[in-house]
Amino acid sequence: MNSEKIINFMGRRYLAVVFSAVMLAVSVGALAVKGLNFGLDFTGGTLIEMHYPETADLEAIRTQLRDQGYPSAIVANFGSDQDVVIRIQADGEKVGDQVAAVLVESYASEGEVIRKRTEYVGSQIGDEFANDGGLGMLFALAVVMVYVALRFQFKFSVGAVVALVHDVTIVLGMFALFQLDFDLTVLAAVLAVIGYSLNDTIVVFDRVRENFRVIRKAEPIEVINISLTQTLERTLMTSFTTLLVLSALFFVGGELIHNFALSLLVGIVVGTYSSIYVAANILLTMNITKEDLMQIEKEGEDQESLMP
């Protein structure tokens, strides 16, 4: 590869370390001081679905609920502009009955409003969701570390896991800093960010391993710069097309998936950054060399010798 075309990514690695350290410090500080603003799925509460005879005025419904003492109620369309789902962080059958009665009465002169369903999530179930979600995230990181260590080498697995922890911490920190609702959809988005970031990192690691075998006289920093440059176009195109879809969900997807789309938007941007400046940086910090990959190279040669 022509050296004039190689981007010196790792020449800016110390700036990247400072930038990541600042983002992580803010995120950890927000999580420690403010904590996550857990939504209905974790804290317990009531979900009510109402059907209106014509297009429902969501803002008017929010105003009515605020007047009744539910300022944090989430109101959104569900399936059609005549169906409305309401989430309130207060559990009990009386809450559902009171809210439904207020909405039915306020619309009585214009048509019949029908309550289609009411669901309750107890605080104990919410605690189980939180514990299971946290354990699921830790299990995912552990499996990633084992997988990358087996496929590549231990230093690669450390780089991959550090990058994933970096991404997850920043996404969670953003939700804590701005006190956005953290529910099961956001938890699912965080796990999706882990998968996306890992995929991006694996692509980079594959090229790094390949170039360590092919480019025999280059220093590790040169090999990594070449590898990142070669995968940059693929990384940017994948991120760009994914961001287009998520932007559509964020702006027109409705209130129920607003935070889901937001967490993925932030996660994709941070994940793309970490694949370049965190995972690869860890490899240099741990002094990755060609000798670290010698065993993997021999296995590849053995496989090639078996081919006809």
C-alpha atoms as a PDB file:
ATOM      1  CA  MET A   1       0.000   0.000   0.000  1.00  0.00           C
ATOM      2  CA  ASN A   2       1.330   3.455  -0.914  1.00  0.00           C
ATOM      3  CA  SER A   3       2.514   5.197   2.246  1.00  0.00           C
ATOM      4  CA  GLU A   4       1.100   8.512   0.996  1.00  0.00           C
ATOM      5  CA  LYS A   5      -2.382   7.072   1.275  1.00  0.00           C
ATOM      6  CA  ILE A   6      -1.996   5.743   4.804  1.00  0.00           C
ATOM      7  CA  ILE A   7      -3.827   7.745   7.472  1.00  0.00           C
ATOM      8  CA  ASN A   8      -1.816   8.147  10.653  1.00  0.00           C
ATOM      9  CA  PHE A   9      -4.625   7.201  13.041  1.00  0.00           C
ATOM     10  CA  MET A  10      -2.309   6.116  15.843  1.00  0.00           C
ATOM     11  CA  GLY A  11      -0.375   9.388  15.643  1.00  0.00           C
ATOM     12  CA  ARG A  12      -3.392  10.912  17.387  1.00  0.00           C
ATOM     13  CA  ARG A  13      -3.870   8.112  19.880  1.00  0.00           C
ATOM     14  CA  TYR A  14      -2.867  10.212  22.899  1.00  0.00           C
ATOM     15  CA  LEU A  15      -5.477  12.844  22.035  1.00  0.00           C
ATOM     16  CA  ALA A  16      -7.974   9.988  21.719  1.00  0.00           C
ATOM     17  CA  VAL A  17      -6.990   8.732  25.183  1.00  0.00           C
ATOM     18  CA  VAL A  18      -7.667  12.173  26.675  1.00  0.00           C
ATOM     19  CA  PHE A  19     -10.979  12.468  24.818  1.00  0.00           C
ATOM     20  CA  SER A  20     -12.119   9.011  25.951  1.00  0.00           C
ATOM     21  CA  ALA A  21     -10.983   9.676  29.508  1.00  0.00           C
ATOM     22  CA  VAL A  22     -13.051  12.876  29.655  1.00  0.00           C
ATOM     23  CA  MET A  23     -16.163  11.136  28.252  1.00  0.00           C
ATOM     24  CA  LEU A  24     -15.758   8.225  30.658  1.00  0.00           C
ATOM     25  CA  ALA A  25     -15.204  10.536  33.630  1.00  0.00           C
ATOM     26  CA  VAL A  26     -18.380  12.482  32.833  1.00  0.00           C
ATOM     27  CA  SER A  27     -20.331   9.257  32.275  1.00  0.00           C
ATOM     28  CA  VAL A  28     -19.145   7.543  35.454  1.00  0.00           C
ATOM     29  CA  GLY A  29     -19.717  10.757  37.420  1.00  0.00           C
ATOM     30  CA  ALA A  30     -23.285  11.047  36.119  1.00  0.00           C
ATOM     31  CA  LEU A  31     -23.979   7.399  36.924  1.00  0.00           C
ATOM     32  CA  ALA A  32     -22.556   7.791  40.429  1.00  0.00           C
ATOM     33  CA  VAL A  33     -24.238  11.103  41.273  1.00  0.00           C
ATOM     34  CA  LYS A  34     -27.537  10.982  39.385  1.00  0.00           C
ATOM     35  CA  GLY A  35     -27.927   7.317  38.545  1.00  0.00           C
ATOM     36  CA  LEU A  36     -30.154   5.941  35.807  1.00  0.00           C
ATOM     37  CA  ASN A  37     -33.730   7.174  35.586  1.00  0.00           C
ATOM     38  CA  PHE A  38     -35.352   3.741  35.405  1.00  0.00           C
ATOM     39  CA  GLY A  39     -38.596   3.570  33.493  1.00  0.00           C
ATOM     40  CA  LEU A  40     -41.808   1.658  34.068  1.00  0.00           C
ATOM     41  CA  ASP A  41     -40.265  -1.719  33.210  1.00  0.00           C
ATOM     42  CA  PHE A  42     -37.844  -1.489  36.145  1.00  0.00           C
ATOM     43  CA  THR A  43     -39.652   0.621  38.733  1.00  0.00           C
ATOM     44  CA  GLY A  44     -43.119  -0.866  38.291  1.00  0.00           C
ATOM     45  CA  GLY A  45     -46.191   0.985  37.102  1.00  0.00           C
ATOM     46  CA  THR A  46     -49.306   0.887  34.945  1.00  0.00           C
ATOM     47  CA  LEU A  47     -49.821   0.664  31.206  1.00  0.00           C
ATOM     48  CA  ILE A  48     -53.201   1.656  29.743  1.00  0.00           C
ATOM     49  CA  GLU A  49     -54.277   1.355  26.111  1.00  0.00           C
ATOM     50  CA  MET A  50     -57.190   3.514  24.938  1.00  0.00           C
ATOM     51  CA  HIS A  51     -59.032   3.618  21.608  1.00  0.00           C
ATOM     52  CA  TYR A  52     -60.431   6.932  20.344  1.00  0.00           C
ATOM     53  CA  PRO A  53     -63.153   7.283  17.683  1.00  0.00           C
ATOM     54  CA  GLU A  54     -60.918   9.666  15.716  1.00  0.00           C
ATOM     55  CA  THR A  55     -57.320  10.870  15.729  1.00  0.00           C
ATOM     56  CA  ALA A  56     -56.230  11.295  19.357  1.00  0.00           C
ATOM     57  CA  ASP A  57     -54.763  14.594  20.506  1.00  0.00           C
ATOM     58  CA  LEU A  58     -51.684  13.387  22.400  1.00  0.00           C
ATOM     59  CA  GLU A  59     -50.796  16.790  23.803  1.00  0.00           C
ATOM     60  CA  ALA A  60     -54.305  17.256  25.180  1.00  0.00           C
ATOM     61  CA  ILE A  61     -54.096  13.837  26.846  1.00  0.00           C
ATOM     62  CA  ARG A  62     -50.731  14.753  28.424  1.00  0.00           C
ATOM     63  CA  THR A  63     -52.253  17.975  29.753  1.00  0.00           C
ATOM     64  CA  GLN A  64     -55.183  16.079  31.281  1.00  0.00           C
ATOM     65  CA  LEU A  65     -52.831  13.613  32.962  1.00  0.00           C
ATOM     66  CA  ARG A  66     -50.631  16.415  34.324  1.00  0.00           C
ATOM     67  CA  ASP A  67     -53.736  18.012  35.816  1.00  0.00           C
ATOM     68  CA  GLN A  68     -54.556  14.694  37.485  1.00  0.00           C
ATOM     69  CA  GLY A  69     -51.117  14.487  39.099  1.00  0.00           C
ATOM     70  CA  TYR A  70     -49.229  12.379  36.549  1.00  0.00           C
ATOM     71  CA  PRO A  71     -46.688  14.826  35.040  1.00  0.00           C
ATOM     72  CA  SER A  72     -44.242  12.080  34.006  1.00  0.00           C
ATOM     73  CA  ALA A  73     -46.811   9.962  32.140  1.00  0.00           C
ATOM     74  CA  ILE A  74     -45.655   8.769  28.711  1.00  0.00           C
ATOM     75  CA  VAL A  75     -48.321   9.101  26.015  1.00  0.00           C
ATOM     76  CA  ALA A  76     -47.853   7.755  22.494  1.00  0.00           C
ATOM     77  CA  ASN A  77     -49.760   6.307  19.559  1.00  0.00           C
ATOM     78  CA  PHE A  78     -49.809   2.548  19.392  1.00  0.00           C
ATOM     79  CA  GLY A  79     -50.407   1.002  15.968  1.00  0.00           C
ATOM     80  CA  SER A  80     -52.668   3.789  14.667  1.00  0.00           C
ATOM     81  CA  ASP A  81     -53.393   7.453  15.395  1.00  0.00           C
ATOM     82  CA  GLN A  82     -56.630   6.389  17.131  1.00  0.00           C
ATOM     83  CA  ASP A  83     -54.964   4.016  19.590  1.00  0.00           C
ATOM     84  CA  VAL A  84     -53.033   5.501  22.508  1.00  0.00           C
ATOM     85  CA  VAL A  85     -50.802   3.801  25.055  1.00  0.00           C
ATOM     86  CA  ILE A  86     -50.151   5.504  28.395  1.00  0.00           C
ATOM     87  CA  ARG A  87     -47.349   4.546  30.799  1.00  0.00           C
ATOM     88  CA  ILE A  88     -47.542   5.801  34.388  1.00  0.00           C
ATOM     89  CA  GLN A  89     -45.014   5.100  37.149  1.00  0.00           C
ATOM     90  CA  ALA A  90     -47.688   4.174  39.678  1.00  0.00           C
ATOM     91  CA  ASP A  91     -49.073   0.673  40.037  1.00  0.00           C
ATOM     92  CA  GLY A  92     -52.435  -0.569  41.195  1.00  0.00           C
ATOM     93  CA  GLU A  93     -55.840  -1.222  39.659  1.00  0.00           C
ATOM     94  CA  LYS A  94     -57.213   2.083  40.992  1.00  0.00           C
ATOM     95  CA  VAL A  95     -54.686   4.093  38.986  1.00  0.00           C
ATOM     96  CA  GLY A  96     -55.759   2.447  35.746  1.00  0.00           C
ATOM     97  CA  ASP A  97     -59.423   2.961  36.549  1.00  0.00           C
ATOM     98  CA  GLN A  98     -58.930   6.616  37.493  1.00  0.00           C
ATOM     99  CA  VAL A  99     -56.935   7.484  34.378  1.00  0.00           C
ATOM    100  CA  ALA A 100     -59.336   5.662  32.067  1.00  0.00           C
ATOM    101  CA  ALA A 101     -62.350   7.361  33.699  1.00  0.00           C
ATOM    102  CA  VAL A 102     -60.818  10.830  33.272  1.00  0.00           C
ATOM    103  CA  LEU A 103     -60.044  10.262  29.602  1.00  0.00           C
ATOM    104  CA  VAL A 104     -63.448   8.753  28.844  1.00  0.00           C
ATOM    105  CA  GLU A 105     -65.259  11.598  30.605  1.00  0.00           C
ATOM    106  CA  SER A 106     -63.231  14.351  28.930  1.00  0.00           C
ATOM    107  CA  TYR A 107     -64.122  12.980  25.485  1.00  0.00           C
ATOM    108  CA  ALA A 108     -67.741  12.041  26.196  1.00  0.00           C
ATOM    109  CA  SER A 109     -69.229  14.890  24.142  1.00  0.00           C
ATOM    110  CA  GLU A 110     -67.260  13.913  21.019  1.00  0.00           C
ATOM    111  CA  GLY A 111     -67.561  10.128  21.021  1.00  0.00           C
ATOM    112  CA  GLU A 112     -66.906   6.973  22.971  1.00  0.00           C
ATOM    113  CA  VAL A 113     -63.390   6.281  24.223  1.00  0.00           C
ATOM    114  CA  ILE A 114     -62.737   2.591  24.930  1.00  0.00           C
ATOM    115  CA  ARG A 115     -60.181   1.163  27.322  1.00  0.00           C
ATOM    116  CA  LYS A 116     -58.675  -1.827  25.478  1.00  0.00           C
ATOM    117  CA  ARG A 117     -56.331  -3.119  28.191  1.00  0.00           C
ATOM    118  CA  THR A 118     -54.600  -2.304  31.451  1.00  0.00           C
ATOM    119  CA  GLU A 119     -51.362  -3.944  32.580  1.00  0.00           C
ATOM    120  CA  TYR A 120     -49.520  -3.647  35.870  1.00  0.00           C
ATOM    121  CA  VAL A 121     -45.811  -4.170  36.562  1.00  0.00           C
ATOM    122  CA  GLY A 122     -44.966  -4.602  40.242  1.00  0.00           C
ATOM    123  CA  SER A 123     -41.770  -3.183  41.736  1.00  0.00           C
ATOM    124  CA  GLN A 124     -40.512  -6.690  42.547  1.00  0.00           C
ATOM    125  CA  ILE A 125     -40.784  -7.714  38.889  1.00  0.00           C
ATOM    126  CA  GLY A 126     -39.033  -4.479  37.960  1.00  0.00           C
ATOM    127  CA  ASP A 127     -36.120  -5.349  40.263  1.00  0.00           C
ATOM    128  CA  GLU A 128     -35.871  -8.761  38.613  1.00  0.00           C
ATOM    129  CA  PHE A 129     -35.750  -7.111  35.182  1.00  0.00           C
ATOM    130  CA  ALA A 130     -32.921  -4.826  36.360  1.00  0.00           C
ATOM    131  CA  ASN A 131     -30.908  -7.693  37.861  1.00  0.00           C
ATOM    132  CA  ASP A 132     -31.424  -9.962  34.857  1.00  0.00           C
ATOM    133  CA  GLY A 133     -30.530  -7.159  32.472  1.00  0.00           C
ATOM    134  CA  GLY A 134     -27.307  -6.370  34.316  1.00  0.00           C
ATOM    135  CA  LEU A 135     -26.314 -10.032  34.459  1.00  0.00           C
ATOM    136  CA  GLY A 136     -27.108 -10.404  30.759  1.00  0.00           C
ATOM    137  CA  MET A 137     -24.790  -7.519  29.901  1.00  0.00           C
ATOM    138  CA  LEU A 138     -21.939  -8.913  32.014  1.00  0.00           C
ATOM    139  CA  PHE A 139     -22.427 -12.370  30.489  1.00  0.00           C
ATOM    140  CA  ALA A 140     -22.304 -10.867  26.985  1.00  0.00           C
ATOM    141  CA  LEU A 141     -18.980  -9.144  27.750  1.00  0.00           C
ATOM    142  CA  ALA A 142     -17.524 -12.352  29.208  1.00  0.00           C
ATOM    143  CA  VAL A 143     -18.549 -14.396  26.150  1.00  0.00           C
ATOM    144  CA  VAL A 144     -17.060 -11.731  23.859  1.00  0.00           C
ATOM    145  CA  MET A 145     -13.741 -11.886  25.692  1.00  0.00           C
ATOM    146  CA  VAL A 146     -13.559 -15.684  25.423  1.00  0.00           C
ATOM    147  CA  TYR A 147     -14.588 -15.651  21.748  1.00  0.00           C
ATOM    148  CA  VAL A 148     -12.023 -13.035  20.708  1.00  0.00           C
ATOM    149  CA  ALA A 149      -9.272 -14.729  22.738  1.00  0.00           C
ATOM    150  CA  LEU A 150      -9.963 -18.035  20.967  1.00  0.00           C
ATOM    151  CA  ARG A 151     -10.282 -16.510  17.506  1.00  0.00           C
ATOM    152  CA  PHE A 152      -7.334 -14.138  17.760  1.00  0.00           C
ATOM    153  CA  GLN A 153      -5.189 -13.809  20.864  1.00  0.00           C
ATOM    154  CA  PHE A 154      -5.555 -12.645  24.465  1.00  0.00           C
ATOM    155  CA  LYS A 155      -4.368  -9.091  23.740  1.00  0.00           C
ATOM    156  CA  PHE A 156      -7.057  -8.773  21.082  1.00  0.00           C
ATOM    157  CA  SER A 157      -9.719  -9.904  23.555  1.00  0.00           C
ATOM    158  CA  VAL A 158      -8.635  -7.250  26.065  1.00  0.00           C
ATOM    159  CA  GLY A 159      -8.845  -4.592  23.343  1.00  0.00           C
ATOM    160  CA  ALA A 160     -12.319  -5.732  22.276  1.00  0.00           C
ATOM    161  CA  VAL A 161     -13.744  -5.835  25.815  1.00  0.00           C
ATOM    162  CA  VAL A 162     -12.225  -2.466  26.804  1.00  0.00           C
ATOM    163  CA  ALA A 163     -13.807  -0.938  23.676  1.00  0.00           C
ATOM    164  CA  LEU A 164     -17.194  -2.458  24.533  1.00  0.00           C
ATOM    165  CA  VAL A 165     -17.055  -1.300  28.156  1.00  0.00           C
ATOM    166  CA  HIS A 166     -16.097   2.157  26.839  1.00  0.00           C
ATOM    167  CA  ASP A 167     -19.135   2.241  24.528  1.00  0.00           C
ATOM    168  CA  VAL A 168     -21.644   0.914  27.067  1.00  0.00           C
ATOM    169  CA  THR A 169     -20.431   3.273  29.799  1.00  0.00           C
ATOM    170  CA  ILE A 170     -20.793   6.330  27.579  1.00  0.00           C
ATOM    171  CA  VAL A 171     -24.302   5.371  26.443  1.00  0.00           C
ATOM    172  CA  LEU A 172     -25.406   4.712  30.030  1.00  0.00           C
ATOM    173  CA  GLY A 173     -23.699   7.899  31.165  1.00  0.00           C
ATOM    174  CA  MET A 174     -25.631   9.939  28.620  1.00  0.00           C
ATOM    175  CA  PHE A 175     -28.927   8.557  29.949  1.00  0.00           C
ATOM    176  CA  ALA A 176     -27.847   9.319  33.520  1.00  0.00           C
ATOM    177  CA  LEU A 177     -26.586  12.814  32.683  1.00  0.00           C
ATOM    178  CA  PHE A 178     -29.805  13.913  30.972  1.00  0.00           C
ATOM    179  CA  GLN A 179     -32.063  11.721  33.152  1.00  0.00           C
ATOM    180  CA  LEU A 180     -33.694  10.058  30.155  1.00  0.00           C
ATOM    181  CA  ASP A 181     -36.011   7.111  30.821  1.00  0.00           C
ATOM    182  CA  PHE A 182     -34.096   3.837  30.875  1.00  0.00           C
ATOM    183  CA  ASP A 183     -36.407   0.907  30.098  1.00  0.00           C
ATOM    184  CA  LEU A 184     -36.165  -2.536  28.533  1.00  0.00           C
ATOM    185  CA  THR A 185     -36.082  -1.127  24.983  1.00  0.00           C
ATOM    186  CA  VAL A 186     -33.017   0.943  25.886  1.00  0.00           C
ATOM    187  CA  LEU A 187     -31.391  -2.097  27.515  1.00  0.00           C
ATOM    188  CA  ALA A 188     -32.005  -4.003  24.270  1.00  0.00           C
ATOM    189  CA  ALA A 189     -30.404  -1.118  22.352  1.00  0.00           C
ATOM    190  CA  VAL A 190     -27.332  -1.228  24.625  1.00  0.00           C
ATOM    191  CA  LEU A 191     -26.937  -4.950  23.937  1.00  0.00           C
ATOM    192  CA  ALA A 192     -27.314  -4.209  20.212  1.00  0.00           C
ATOM    193  CA  VAL A 193     -24.539  -1.619  20.523  1.00  0.00           C
ATOM    194  CA  ILE A 194     -22.315  -4.335  21.990  1.00  0.00           C
ATOM    195  CA  GLY A 195     -23.000  -6.523  18.956  1.00  0.00           C
ATOM    196  CA  TYR A 196     -22.453  -3.717  16.448  1.00  0.00           C
ATOM    197  CA  SER A 197     -19.255  -2.461  18.064  1.00  0.00           C
ATOM    198  CA  LEU A 198     -17.882  -5.990  18.338  1.00  0.00           C
ATOM    199  CA  ASN A 199     -18.568  -6.656  14.658  1.00  0.00           C
ATOM    200  CA  ASP A 200     -16.736  -3.469  13.696  1.00  0.00           C
ATOM    201  CA  THR A 201     -13.817  -4.346  15.953  1.00  0.00           C
ATOM    202  CA  ILE A 202     -13.575  -7.896  14.563  1.00  0.00           C
ATOM    203  CA  VAL A 203     -13.314  -6.515  11.018  1.00  0.00           C
ATOM    204  CA  VAL A 204     -10.408  -4.297  12.104  1.00  0.00           C
ATOM    205  CA  PHE A 205      -8.722  -7.129  14.017  1.00  0.00           C
ATOM    206  CA  ASP A 206      -8.992  -9.482  11.044  1.00  0.00           C
ATOM    207  CA  ARG A 207      -7.162  -6.974   8.866  1.00  0.00           C
ATOM    208  CA  VAL A 208      -4.545  -6.309  11.575  1.00  0.00           C
ATOM    209  CA  ARG A 209      -3.826 -10.031  11.893  1.00  0.00           C
ATOM    210  CA  GLU A 210      -3.628 -10.438   8.119  1.00  0.00           C
ATOM    211  CA  ASN A 211      -1.264  -7.499   7.726  1.00  0.00           C
ATOM    212  CA  PHE A 212       1.006  -8.691  10.528  1.00  0.00           C
ATOM    213  CA  ARG A 213       1.510 -11.853   8.457  1.00  0.00           C
ATOM    214  CA  VAL A 214       2.026 -10.070   5.132  1.00  0.00           C
ATOM    215  CA  ILE A 215       3.940  -6.903   6.094  1.00  0.00           C
ATOM    216  CA  ARG A 216       6.976  -8.412   7.755  1.00  0.00           C
ATOM    217  CA  LYS A 217       9.303  -5.418   8.225  1.00  0.00           C
ATOM    218  CA  ALA A 218       6.837  -2.763   9.398  1.00  0.00           C
ATOM    219  CA  GLU A 219       6.500  -1.636  12.999  1.00  0.00           C
ATOM    220  CA  PRO A 220       3.248  -2.523  14.829  1.00  0.00           C
ATOM    221  CA  ILE A 221       2.045   1.097  14.692  1.00  0.00           C
ATOM    222  CA  GLU A 222       2.506   1.103  10.907  1.00  0.00           C
ATOM    223  CA  VAL A 223       0.654  -2.195  10.521  1.00  0.00           C
ATOM    224  CA  ILE A 224      -2.272  -0.891  12.568  1.00  0.00           C
ATOM    225  CA  ASN A 225      -2.410   2.392  10.628  1.00  0.00           C
ATOM    226  CA  ILE A 226      -2.444   0.476   7.342  1.00  0.00           C
ATOM    227  CA  SER A 227      -5.165  -1.873   8.628  1.00  0.00           C
ATOM    228  CA  LEU A 228      -7.365   0.981   9.853  1.00  0.00           C
ATOM    229  CA  THR A 229      -6.961   2.838   6.568  1.00  0.00           C
ATOM    230  CA  GLN A 230      -7.920  -0.257   4.576  1.00  0.00           C
ATOM    231  CA  THR A 231     -11.077  -0.833   6.637  1.00  0.00           C
ATOM    232  CA  LEU A 232     -12.040   2.847   6.983  1.00  0.00           C
ATOM    233  CA  GLU A 233     -14.301   2.987   3.908  1.00  0.00           C
ATOM    234  CA  ARG A 234     -16.205  -0.117   4.957  1.00  0.00           C
ATOM    235  CA  THR A 235     -16.552   1.196   8.525  1.00  0.00           C
ATOM    236  CA  LEU A 236     -17.849   4.596   7.447  1.00  0.00           C
ATOM    237  CA  MET A 237     -20.308   3.214   4.897  1.00  0.00           C
ATOM    238  CA  THR A 238     -21.728   0.702   7.370  1.00  0.00           C
ATOM    239  CA  SER A 239     -22.074   3.349  10.070  1.00  0.00           C
ATOM    240  CA  PHE A 240     -23.599   5.890   7.673  1.00  0.00           C
ATOM    241  CA  THR A 241     -26.308   3.569   6.347  1.00  0.00           C
ATOM    242  CA  THR A 242     -27.136   2.387   9.877  1.00  0.00           C
ATOM    243  CA  LEU A 243     -27.373   5.975  11.105  1.00  0.00           C
ATOM    244  CA  LEU A 244     -29.776   6.830   8.277  1.00  0.00           C
ATOM    245  CA  VAL A 245     -32.227   4.164   9.429  1.00  0.00           C
ATOM    246  CA  LEU A 246     -31.857   5.106  13.095  1.00  0.00           C
ATOM    247  CA  SER A 247     -32.356   8.794  12.303  1.00  0.00           C
ATOM    248  CA  ALA A 248     -35.672   7.952  10.657  1.00  0.00           C
ATOM    249  CA  LEU A 249     -36.722   5.985  13.752  1.00  0.00           C
ATOM    250  CA  PHE A 250     -35.596   8.799  16.034  1.00  0.00           C
ATOM    251  CA  PHE A 251     -37.461  11.595  14.267  1.00  0.00           C
ATOM    252  CA  VAL A 252     -40.640   9.858  13.092  1.00  0.00           C
ATOM    253  CA  GLY A 253     -40.763   6.605  15.066  1.00  0.00           C
ATOM    254  CA  GLY A 254     -42.815   7.989  17.933  1.00  0.00           C
ATOM    255  CA  GLU A 255     -42.258   8.450  21.644  1.00  0.00           C
ATOM    256  CA  LEU A 256     -42.207   4.737  22.532  1.00  0.00           C
ATOM    257  CA  ILE A 257     -39.009   4.049  20.566  1.00  0.00           C
ATOM    258  CA  HIS A 258     -37.481   7.522  20.837  1.00  0.00           C
ATOM    259  CA  ASN A 259     -34.961   6.577  23.536  1.00  0.00           C
ATOM    260  CA  PHE A 260     -34.299   3.224  21.855  1.00  0.00           C
ATOM    261  CA  ALA A 261     -33.280   5.000  18.647  1.00  0.00           C
ATOM    262  CA  LEU A 262     -31.295   7.647  20.551  1.00  0.00           C
ATOM    263  CA  SER A 263     -29.245   5.071  22.446  1.00  0.00           C
ATOM    264  CA  LEU A 264     -28.447   3.271  19.201  1.00  0.00           C
ATOM    265  CA  LEU A 265     -27.508   6.522  17.456  1.00  0.00           C
ATOM    266  CA  VAL A 266     -25.050   7.418  20.198  1.00  0.00           C
ATOM    267  CA  GLY A 267     -23.831   3.823  20.458  1.00  0.00           C
ATOM    268  CA  ILE A 268     -23.093   3.513  16.722  1.00  0.00           C
ATOM    269  CA  VAL A 269     -21.095   6.761  16.673  1.00  0.00           C
ATOM    270  CA  VAL A 270     -19.148   5.855  19.820  1.00  0.00           C
ATOM    271  CA  GLY A 271     -18.703   2.250  18.644  1.00  0.00           C
ATOM    272  CA  THR A 272     -17.219   3.363  15.331  1.00  0.00           C
ATOM    273  CA  TYR A 273     -14.824   5.661  17.191  1.00  0.00           C
ATOM    274  CA  SER A 274     -13.819   2.959  19.688  1.00  0.00           C
ATOM    275  CA  SER A 275     -13.063   0.408  16.970  1.00  0.00           C
ATOM    276  CA  ILE A 276     -10.429   2.792  15.663  1.00  0.00           C
ATOM    277  CA  TYR A 277      -9.099   4.621  18.703  1.00  0.00           C
ATOM    278  CA  VAL A 278      -9.779   2.324  21.647  1.00  0.00           C
ATOM    279  CA  ALA A 279      -9.458  -1.289  20.506  1.00  0.00           C
ATOM    280  CA  ALA A 280      -6.449  -0.634  18.254  1.00  0.00           C
ATOM    281  CA  ASN A 281      -4.883   1.633  20.874  1.00  0.00           C
ATOM    282  CA  ILE A 282      -5.065  -1.152  23.448  1.00  0.00           C
ATOM    283  CA  LEU A 283      -3.127  -3.431  21.095  1.00  0.00           C
ATOM    284  CA  LEU A 284      -0.277  -0.916  20.942  1.00  0.00           C
ATOM    285  CA  THR A 285      -0.411  -0.339  24.701  1.00  0.00           C
ATOM    286  CA  MET A 286      -0.042  -4.103  25.254  1.00  0.00           C
ATOM    287  CA  ASN A 287       2.891  -4.195  22.781  1.00  0.00           C
ATOM    288  CA  ILE A 288       1.291  -6.436  20.167  1.00  0.00           C
ATOM    289  CA  THR A 289       3.923  -8.027  17.898  1.00  0.00           C
ATOM    290  CA  LYS A 290       4.091 -10.505  15.059  1.00  0.00           C
ATOM    291  CA  GLU A 291       5.325 -13.131  17.511  1.00  0.00           C
ATOM    292  CA  ASP A 292       1.998 -12.939  19.370  1.00  0.00           C
ATOM    293  CA  LEU A 293       0.306 -14.268  16.238  1.00  0.00           C
ATOM    294  CA  MET A 294       2.807 -16.951  15.280  1.00  0.00           C
ATOM    295  CA  GLN A 295       0.667 -19.832  16.570  1.00  0.00           C
ATOM    296  CA  ILE A 296      -2.395 -18.577  14.701  1.00  0.00           C
ATOM    297  CA  GLU A 297      -0.278 -18.211  11.568  1.00  0.00           C
ATOM    298  CA  LYS A 298       0.899 -21.832  11.815  1.00  0.00           C
ATOM    299  CA  GLU A 299      -2.686 -23.027  12.134  1.00  0.00           C
ATOM    300  CA  GLY A 300      -3.555 -21.100   8.982  1.00  0.00           C
ATOM    301  CA  GLU A 301      -0.652 -22.696   7.130  1.00  0.00           C
ATOM    302  CA  ASP A 302      -1.762 -26.155   8.231  1.00  0.00           C
ATOM    303  CA  GLN A 303      -5.247 -25.502   6.871  1.00  0.00           C
ATOM    304  CA  GLU A 304      -3.830 -24.278   3.557  1.00  0.00           C
ATOM    305  CA  SER A 305      -1.684 -27.402   3.231  1.00  0.00           C
ATOM    306  CA  LEU A 306      -4.815 -29.574   3.446  1.00  0.00           C
ATOM    307  CA  MET A 307      -6.444 -27.794   0.508  1.00  0.00           C
ATOM    308  CA  PRO A 308      -6.180 -29.615  -2.860  1.00  0.00           C
END
